[in-house]
């Protein structure tokens, strides 16, 4: 399975490799109190509701690392 910022946040958090990438760029995302609400949505959509914490630049870096997993 290939991953991207269009993958559901829950799928990204349930995989140790992809979770590590998210934590690298967004420390604490996996333990955020409201993370449960976003698990069913793509990371790109969750970013829209992050209040600016997940920037376009962060999404680009995360997407590149996810794509590199092949």
PDB file of N, CA and C in Angstrom:
ATOM      1  N   UNK A   1       0.847  -1.192   0.000  1.00  0.00           N
ATOM      2  CA  UNK A   1       0.000   0.000   0.000  1.00  0.00           C
ATOM      3  C   UNK A   1       0.882   1.242   0.000  1.00  0.00           C
ATOM      4  N   UNK A   2       0.559   2.186  -0.865  1.00  0.00           N
ATOM      5  CA  UNK A   2       1.313   3.430  -0.872  1.00  0.00           C
ATOM      6  C   UNK A   2       0.569   4.471  -0.037  1.00  0.00           C
ATOM      7  N   UNK A   3       1.333   5.358   0.562  1.00  0.00           N
ATOM      8  CA  UNK A   3       0.768   6.366   1.447  1.00  0.00           C
ATOM      9  C   UNK A   3       1.046   7.758   0.904  1.00  0.00           C
ATOM     10  N   UNK A   4       0.167   8.688   1.254  1.00  0.00           N
ATOM     11  CA  UNK A   4       0.340  10.092   0.889  1.00  0.00           C
ATOM     12  C   UNK A   4      -0.473  10.915   1.888  1.00  0.00           C
ATOM     13  N   UNK A   5      -0.469  12.223   1.687  1.00  0.00           N
ATOM     14  CA  UNK A   5      -1.269  13.080   2.560  1.00  0.00           C
ATOM     15  C   UNK A   5      -2.760  12.916   2.275  1.00  0.00           C
ATOM     16  N   UNK A   6      -3.080  12.152   1.225  1.00  0.00           N
ATOM     17  CA  UNK A   6      -4.483  11.848   0.936  1.00  0.00           C
ATOM     18  C   UNK A   6      -4.927  10.560   1.635  1.00  0.00           C
ATOM     19  N   UNK A   7      -4.004   9.897   2.315  1.00  0.00           N
ATOM     20  CA  UNK A   7      -4.341   8.717   3.103  1.00  0.00           C
ATOM     21  C   UNK A   7      -5.076   9.167   4.360  1.00  0.00           C
ATOM     22  N   UNK A   8      -5.941   8.293   4.857  1.00  0.00           N
ATOM     23  CA  UNK A   8      -6.662   8.618   6.091  1.00  0.00           C
ATOM     24  C   UNK A   8      -5.671   8.698   7.244  1.00  0.00           C
ATOM     25  N   UNK A   9      -5.886   9.687   8.097  1.00  0.00           N
ATOM     26  CA  UNK A   9      -4.994   9.897   9.230  1.00  0.00           C
ATOM     27  C   UNK A   9      -4.906   8.639  10.088  1.00  0.00           C
ATOM     28  N   UNK A  10      -6.016   7.958  10.283  1.00  0.00           N
ATOM     29  CA  UNK A  10      -6.005   6.740  11.080  1.00  0.00           C
ATOM     30  C   UNK A  10      -5.087   5.679  10.502  1.00  0.00           C
ATOM     31  N   UNK A  11      -5.102   5.524   9.172  1.00  0.00           N
ATOM     32  CA  UNK A  11      -4.224   4.551   8.521  1.00  0.00           C
ATOM     33  C   UNK A  11      -2.755   4.927   8.721  1.00  0.00           C
ATOM     34  N   UNK A  12      -2.465   6.219   8.650  1.00  0.00           N
ATOM     35  CA  UNK A  12      -1.092   6.687   8.834  1.00  0.00           C
ATOM     36  C   UNK A  12      -0.624   6.462  10.273  1.00  0.00           C
ATOM     37  N   UNK A  13      -1.520   6.664  11.230  1.00  0.00           N
ATOM     38  CA  UNK A  13      -1.161   6.497  12.633  1.00  0.00           C
ATOM     39  C   UNK A  13      -1.065   5.022  13.034  1.00  0.00           C
ATOM     40  N   UNK A  14      -1.758   4.146  12.330  1.00  0.00           N
ATOM     41  CA  UNK A  14      -1.752   2.720  12.661  1.00  0.00           C
ATOM     42  C   UNK A  14      -0.533   1.983  12.115  1.00  0.00           C
ATOM     43  N   UNK A  15       0.244   2.631  11.261  1.00  0.00           N
ATOM     44  CA  UNK A  15       1.449   2.042  10.677  1.00  0.00           C
ATOM     45  C   UNK A  15       2.659   2.695  11.361  1.00  0.00           C
ATOM     46  N   UNK A  16       3.546   1.882  11.912  1.00  0.00           N
ATOM     47  CA  UNK A  16       4.669   2.445  12.675  1.00  0.00           C
ATOM     48  C   UNK A  16       5.583   3.332  11.828  1.00  0.00           C
ATOM     49  N   UNK A  17       5.829   2.951  10.570  1.00  0.00           N
ATOM     50  CA  UNK A  17       6.699   3.762   9.698  1.00  0.00           C
ATOM     51  C   UNK A  17       6.073   5.116   9.405  1.00  0.00           C
ATOM     52  N   UNK A  18       4.807   5.115   9.032  1.00  0.00           N
ATOM     53  CA  UNK A  18       4.173   6.382   8.667  1.00  0.00           C
ATOM     54  C   UNK A  18       3.900   7.232   9.905  1.00  0.00           C
ATOM     55  N   UNK A  19       3.601   6.588  11.010  1.00  0.00           N
ATOM     56  CA  UNK A  19       3.397   7.323  12.267  1.00  0.00           C
ATOM     57  C   UNK A  19       4.680   8.055  12.646  1.00  0.00           C
ATOM     58  N   UNK A  20       5.822   7.406  12.461  1.00  0.00           N
ATOM     59  CA  UNK A  20       7.113   8.034  12.782  1.00  0.00           C
ATOM     60  C   UNK A  20       7.341   9.277  11.927  1.00  0.00           C
ATOM     61  N   UNK A  21       6.937   9.222  10.662  1.00  0.00           N
ATOM     62  CA  UNK A  21       7.074  10.390   9.784  1.00  0.00           C
ATOM     63  C   UNK A  21       6.191  11.529  10.284  1.00  0.00           C
ATOM     64  N   UNK A  22       4.958  11.206  10.658  1.00  0.00           N
ATOM     65  CA  UNK A  22       4.053  12.243  11.175  1.00  0.00           C
ATOM     66  C   UNK A  22       4.623  12.859  12.444  1.00  0.00           C
ATOM     67  N   UNK A  23       5.103  12.023  13.346  1.00  0.00           N
ATOM     68  CA  UNK A  23       5.659  12.527  14.611  1.00  0.00           C
ATOM     69  C   UNK A  23       6.910  13.374  14.386  1.00  0.00           C
ATOM     70  N   UNK A  24       7.697  13.030  13.380  1.00  0.00           N
ATOM     71  CA  UNK A  24       8.913  13.796  13.073  1.00  0.00           C
ATOM     72  C   UNK A  24       8.561  15.235  12.711  1.00  0.00           C
ATOM     73  N   UNK A  25       7.514  15.400  11.905  1.00  0.00           N
ATOM     74  CA  UNK A  25       7.159  16.733  11.413  1.00  0.00           C
ATOM     75  C   UNK A  25       6.076  17.431  12.248  1.00  0.00           C
ATOM     76  N   UNK A  26       5.319  16.636  12.987  1.00  0.00           N
ATOM     77  CA  UNK A  26       4.231  17.184  13.810  1.00  0.00           C
ATOM     78  C   UNK A  26       4.270  16.505  15.181  1.00  0.00           C
ATOM     79  N   UNK A  27       5.285  16.837  15.996  1.00  0.00           N
ATOM     80  CA  UNK A  27       5.449  16.153  17.284  1.00  0.00           C
ATOM     81  C   UNK A  27       4.175  16.193  18.125  1.00  0.00           C
ATOM     82  N   UNK A  28       3.810  15.023  18.643  1.00  0.00           N
ATOM     83  CA  UNK A  28       2.638  14.926  19.509  1.00  0.00           C
ATOM     84  C   UNK A  28       1.329  14.672  18.786  1.00  0.00           C
ATOM     85  N   UNK A  29       1.344  14.580  17.462  1.00  0.00           N
ATOM     86  CA  UNK A  29       0.083  14.421  16.728  1.00  0.00           C
ATOM     87  C   UNK A  29      -0.644  13.139  17.128  1.00  0.00           C
ATOM     88  N   UNK A  30       0.101  12.082  17.388  1.00  0.00           N
ATOM     89  CA  UNK A  30      -0.555  10.801  17.684  1.00  0.00           C
ATOM     90  C   UNK A  30      -1.219  10.779  19.054  1.00  0.00           C
ATOM     91  N   UNK A  31      -0.842  11.699  19.924  1.00  0.00           N
ATOM     92  CA  UNK A  31      -1.425  11.738  21.265  1.00  0.00           C
ATOM     93  C   UNK A  31      -2.286  12.979  21.502  1.00  0.00           C
ATOM     94  N   UNK A  32      -2.522  13.751  20.463  1.00  0.00           N
ATOM     95  CA  UNK A  32      -3.348  14.956  20.594  1.00  0.00           C
ATOM     96  C   UNK A  32      -4.745  14.563  21.069  1.00  0.00           C
ATOM     97  N   UNK A  33      -5.296  15.314  22.028  1.00  0.00           N
ATOM     98  CA  UNK A  33      -6.613  14.961  22.589  1.00  0.00           C
ATOM     99  C   UNK A  33      -7.746  14.864  21.561  1.00  0.00           C
ATOM    100  N   UNK A  34      -7.650  15.601  20.460  1.00  0.00           N
ATOM    101  CA  UNK A  34      -8.726  15.612  19.476  1.00  0.00           C
ATOM    102  C   UNK A  34      -8.428  14.745  18.247  1.00  0.00           C
ATOM    103  N   UNK A  35      -7.361  13.962  18.315  1.00  0.00           N
ATOM    104  CA  UNK A  35      -6.943  13.213  17.124  1.00  0.00           C
ATOM    105  C   UNK A  35      -7.992  12.193  16.701  1.00  0.00           C
ATOM    106  N   UNK A  36      -8.753  11.675  17.632  1.00  0.00           N
ATOM    107  CA  UNK A  36      -9.770  10.684  17.308  1.00  0.00           C
ATOM    108  C   UNK A  36     -10.786  11.185  16.297  1.00  0.00           C
ATOM    109  N   UNK A  37     -11.083  12.467  16.337  1.00  0.00           N
ATOM    110  CA  UNK A  37     -12.066  13.045  15.414  1.00  0.00           C
ATOM    111  C   UNK A  37     -11.550  13.077  13.983  1.00  0.00           C
ATOM    112  N   UNK A  38     -10.236  13.110  13.804  1.00  0.00           N
ATOM    113  CA  UNK A  38      -9.671  13.238  12.460  1.00  0.00           C
ATOM    114  C   UNK A  38      -9.228  11.938  11.821  1.00  0.00           C
ATOM    115  N   UNK A  39      -9.313  10.834  12.539  1.00  0.00           N
ATOM    116  CA  UNK A  39      -8.772   9.560  12.038  1.00  0.00           C
ATOM    117  C   UNK A  39      -9.400   9.100  10.732  1.00  0.00           C
ATOM    118  N   UNK A  40     -10.652   9.451  10.478  1.00  0.00           N
ATOM    119  CA  UNK A  40     -11.332   8.996   9.267  1.00  0.00           C
ATOM    120  C   UNK A  40     -11.151   9.903   8.068  1.00  0.00           C
ATOM    121  N   UNK A  41     -10.395  10.967   8.241  1.00  0.00           N
ATOM    122  CA  UNK A  41     -10.209  11.945   7.168  1.00  0.00           C
ATOM    123  C   UNK A  41      -8.780  11.912   6.645  1.00  0.00           C
ATOM    124  N   UNK A  42      -8.590  12.274   5.369  1.00  0.00           N
ATOM    125  CA  UNK A  42      -7.222  12.391   4.847  1.00  0.00           C
ATOM    126  C   UNK A  42      -6.431  13.440   5.622  1.00  0.00           C
ATOM    127  N   UNK A  43      -5.134  13.238   5.737  1.00  0.00           N
ATOM    128  CA  UNK A  43      -4.285  14.206   6.440  1.00  0.00           C
ATOM    129  C   UNK A  43      -4.433  15.595   5.832  1.00  0.00           C
ATOM    130  N   UNK A  44      -4.572  15.678   4.512  1.00  0.00           N
ATOM    131  CA  UNK A  44      -4.710  16.989   3.857  1.00  0.00           C
ATOM    132  C   UNK A  44      -5.960  17.721   4.333  1.00  0.00           C
ATOM    133  N   UNK A  45      -7.013  16.992   4.659  1.00  0.00           N
ATOM    134  CA  UNK A  45      -8.249  17.604   5.164  1.00  0.00           C
ATOM    135  C   UNK A  45      -8.085  17.994   6.633  1.00  0.00           C
ATOM    136  N   UNK A  46      -7.475  17.114   7.410  1.00  0.00           N
ATOM    137  CA  UNK A  46      -7.244  17.403   8.828  1.00  0.00           C
ATOM    138  C   UNK A  46      -6.434  18.689   8.976  1.00  0.00           C
ATOM    139  N   UNK A  47      -5.488  18.909   8.068  1.00  0.00           N
ATOM    140  CA  UNK A  47      -4.653  20.111   8.117  1.00  0.00           C
ATOM    141  C   UNK A  47      -5.496  21.380   8.067  1.00  0.00           C
ATOM    142  N   UNK A  48      -6.601  21.331   7.327  1.00  0.00           N
ATOM    143  CA  UNK A  48      -7.475  22.509   7.225  1.00  0.00           C
ATOM    144  C   UNK A  48      -8.095  22.892   8.555  1.00  0.00           C
ATOM    145  N   UNK A  49      -8.185  21.940   9.463  1.00  0.00           N
ATOM    146  CA  UNK A  49      -8.805  22.182  10.763  1.00  0.00           C
ATOM    147  C   UNK A  49      -7.784  22.284  11.888  1.00  0.00           C
ATOM    148  N   UNK A  50      -6.512  22.406  11.533  1.00  0.00           N
ATOM    149  CA  UNK A  50      -5.451  22.413  12.540  1.00  0.00           C
ATOM    150  C   UNK A  50      -5.146  23.808  13.077  1.00  0.00           C
ATOM    151  N   UNK A  51      -5.867  24.794  12.613  1.00  0.00           N
ATOM    152  CA  UNK A  51      -5.611  26.150  13.087  1.00  0.00           C
ATOM    153  C   UNK A  51      -4.245  26.663  12.673  1.00  0.00           C
ATOM    154  N   UNK A  52      -3.752  26.184  11.541  1.00  0.00           N
ATOM    155  CA  UNK A  52      -2.464  26.640  11.040  1.00  0.00           C
ATOM    156  C   UNK A  52      -1.275  25.853  11.553  1.00  0.00           C
ATOM    157  N   UNK A  53      -1.505  24.862  12.400  1.00  0.00           N
ATOM    158  CA  UNK A  53      -0.400  24.074  12.942  1.00  0.00           C
ATOM    159  C   UNK A  53       0.208  23.134  11.906  1.00  0.00           C
ATOM    160  N   UNK A  54      -0.631  22.643  10.985  1.00  0.00           N
ATOM    161  CA  UNK A  54      -0.128  21.789   9.906  1.00  0.00           C
ATOM    162  C   UNK A  54      -0.105  22.642   8.646  1.00  0.00           C
ATOM    163  N   UNK A  55       1.067  23.146   8.330  1.00  0.00           N
ATOM    164  CA  UNK A  55       1.220  24.077   7.209  1.00  0.00           C
ATOM    165  C   UNK A  55       1.381  23.331   5.886  1.00  0.00           C
ATOM    166  N   UNK A  56       1.281  24.089   4.806  1.00  0.00           N
ATOM    167  CA  UNK A  56       1.504  23.526   3.466  1.00  0.00           C
ATOM    168  C   UNK A  56       2.909  22.953   3.366  1.00  0.00           C
ATOM    169  N   UNK A  57       3.875  23.643   3.969  1.00  0.00           N
ATOM    170  CA  UNK A  57       5.259  23.192   3.926  1.00  0.00           C
ATOM    171  C   UNK A  57       5.420  21.854   4.641  1.00  0.00           C
ATOM    172  N   UNK A  58       4.766  21.705   5.782  1.00  0.00           N
ATOM    173  CA  UNK A  58       4.828  20.442   6.516  1.00  0.00           C
ATOM    174  C   UNK A  58       4.192  19.331   5.684  1.00  0.00           C
ATOM    175  N   UNK A  59       3.046  19.624   5.083  1.00  0.00           N
ATOM    176  CA  UNK A  59       2.378  18.620   4.256  1.00  0.00           C
ATOM    177  C   UNK A  59       3.267  18.177   3.100  1.00  0.00           C
ATOM    178  N   UNK A  60       3.974  19.109   2.487  1.00  0.00           N
ATOM    179  CA  UNK A  60       4.858  18.772   1.371  1.00  0.00           C
ATOM    180  C   UNK A  60       5.993  17.854   1.821  1.00  0.00           C
ATOM    181  N   UNK A  61       6.585  18.151   2.972  1.00  0.00           N
ATOM    182  CA  UNK A  61       7.674  17.318   3.497  1.00  0.00           C
ATOM    183  C   UNK A  61       7.167  15.932   3.858  1.00  0.00           C
ATOM    184  N   UNK A  62       6.017  15.873   4.533  1.00  0.00           N
ATOM    185  CA  UNK A  62       5.441  14.591   4.927  1.00  0.00           C
ATOM    186  C   UNK A  62       5.095  13.779   3.686  1.00  0.00           C
ATOM    187  N   UNK A  63       4.496  14.414   2.694  1.00  0.00           N
ATOM    188  CA  UNK A  63       4.103  13.708   1.479  1.00  0.00           C
ATOM    189  C   UNK A  63       5.316  13.123   0.760  1.00  0.00           C
ATOM    190  N   UNK A  64       6.413  13.872   0.716  1.00  0.00           N
ATOM    191  CA  UNK A  64       7.632  13.387   0.076  1.00  0.00           C
ATOM    192  C   UNK A  64       8.194  12.163   0.800  1.00  0.00           C
ATOM    193  N   UNK A  65       8.178  12.194   2.116  1.00  0.00           N
ATOM    194  CA  UNK A  65       8.696  11.053   2.883  1.00  0.00           C
ATOM    195  C   UNK A  65       7.783   9.854   2.773  1.00  0.00           C
ATOM    196  N   UNK A  66       6.476  10.082   2.758  1.00  0.00           N
ATOM    197  CA  UNK A  66       5.528   8.981   2.595  1.00  0.00           C
ATOM    198  C   UNK A  66       5.708   8.328   1.227  1.00  0.00           C
ATOM    199  N   UNK A  67       5.884   9.146   0.186  1.00  0.00           N
ATOM    200  CA  UNK A  67       6.065   8.631  -1.166  1.00  0.00           C
ATOM    201  C   UNK A  67       7.348   7.811  -1.269  1.00  0.00           C
ATOM    202  N   UNK A  68       8.372   8.206  -0.523  1.00  0.00           N
ATOM    203  CA  UNK A  68       9.655   7.510  -0.574  1.00  0.00           C
ATOM    204  C   UNK A  68       9.583   6.103   0.017  1.00  0.00           C
ATOM    205  N   UNK A  69       8.546   5.829   0.788  1.00  0.00           N
ATOM    206  CA  UNK A  69       8.387   4.499   1.364  1.00  0.00           C
ATOM    207  C   UNK A  69       8.054   3.469   0.281  1.00  0.00           C
ATOM    208  N   UNK A  70       7.513   3.988  -0.835  1.00  0.00           N
ATOM    209  CA  UNK A  70       7.205   3.133  -1.966  1.00  0.00           C
ATOM    210  C   UNK A  70       5.978   2.327  -1.724  1.00  0.00           C
TER     211      UNK A  70
END
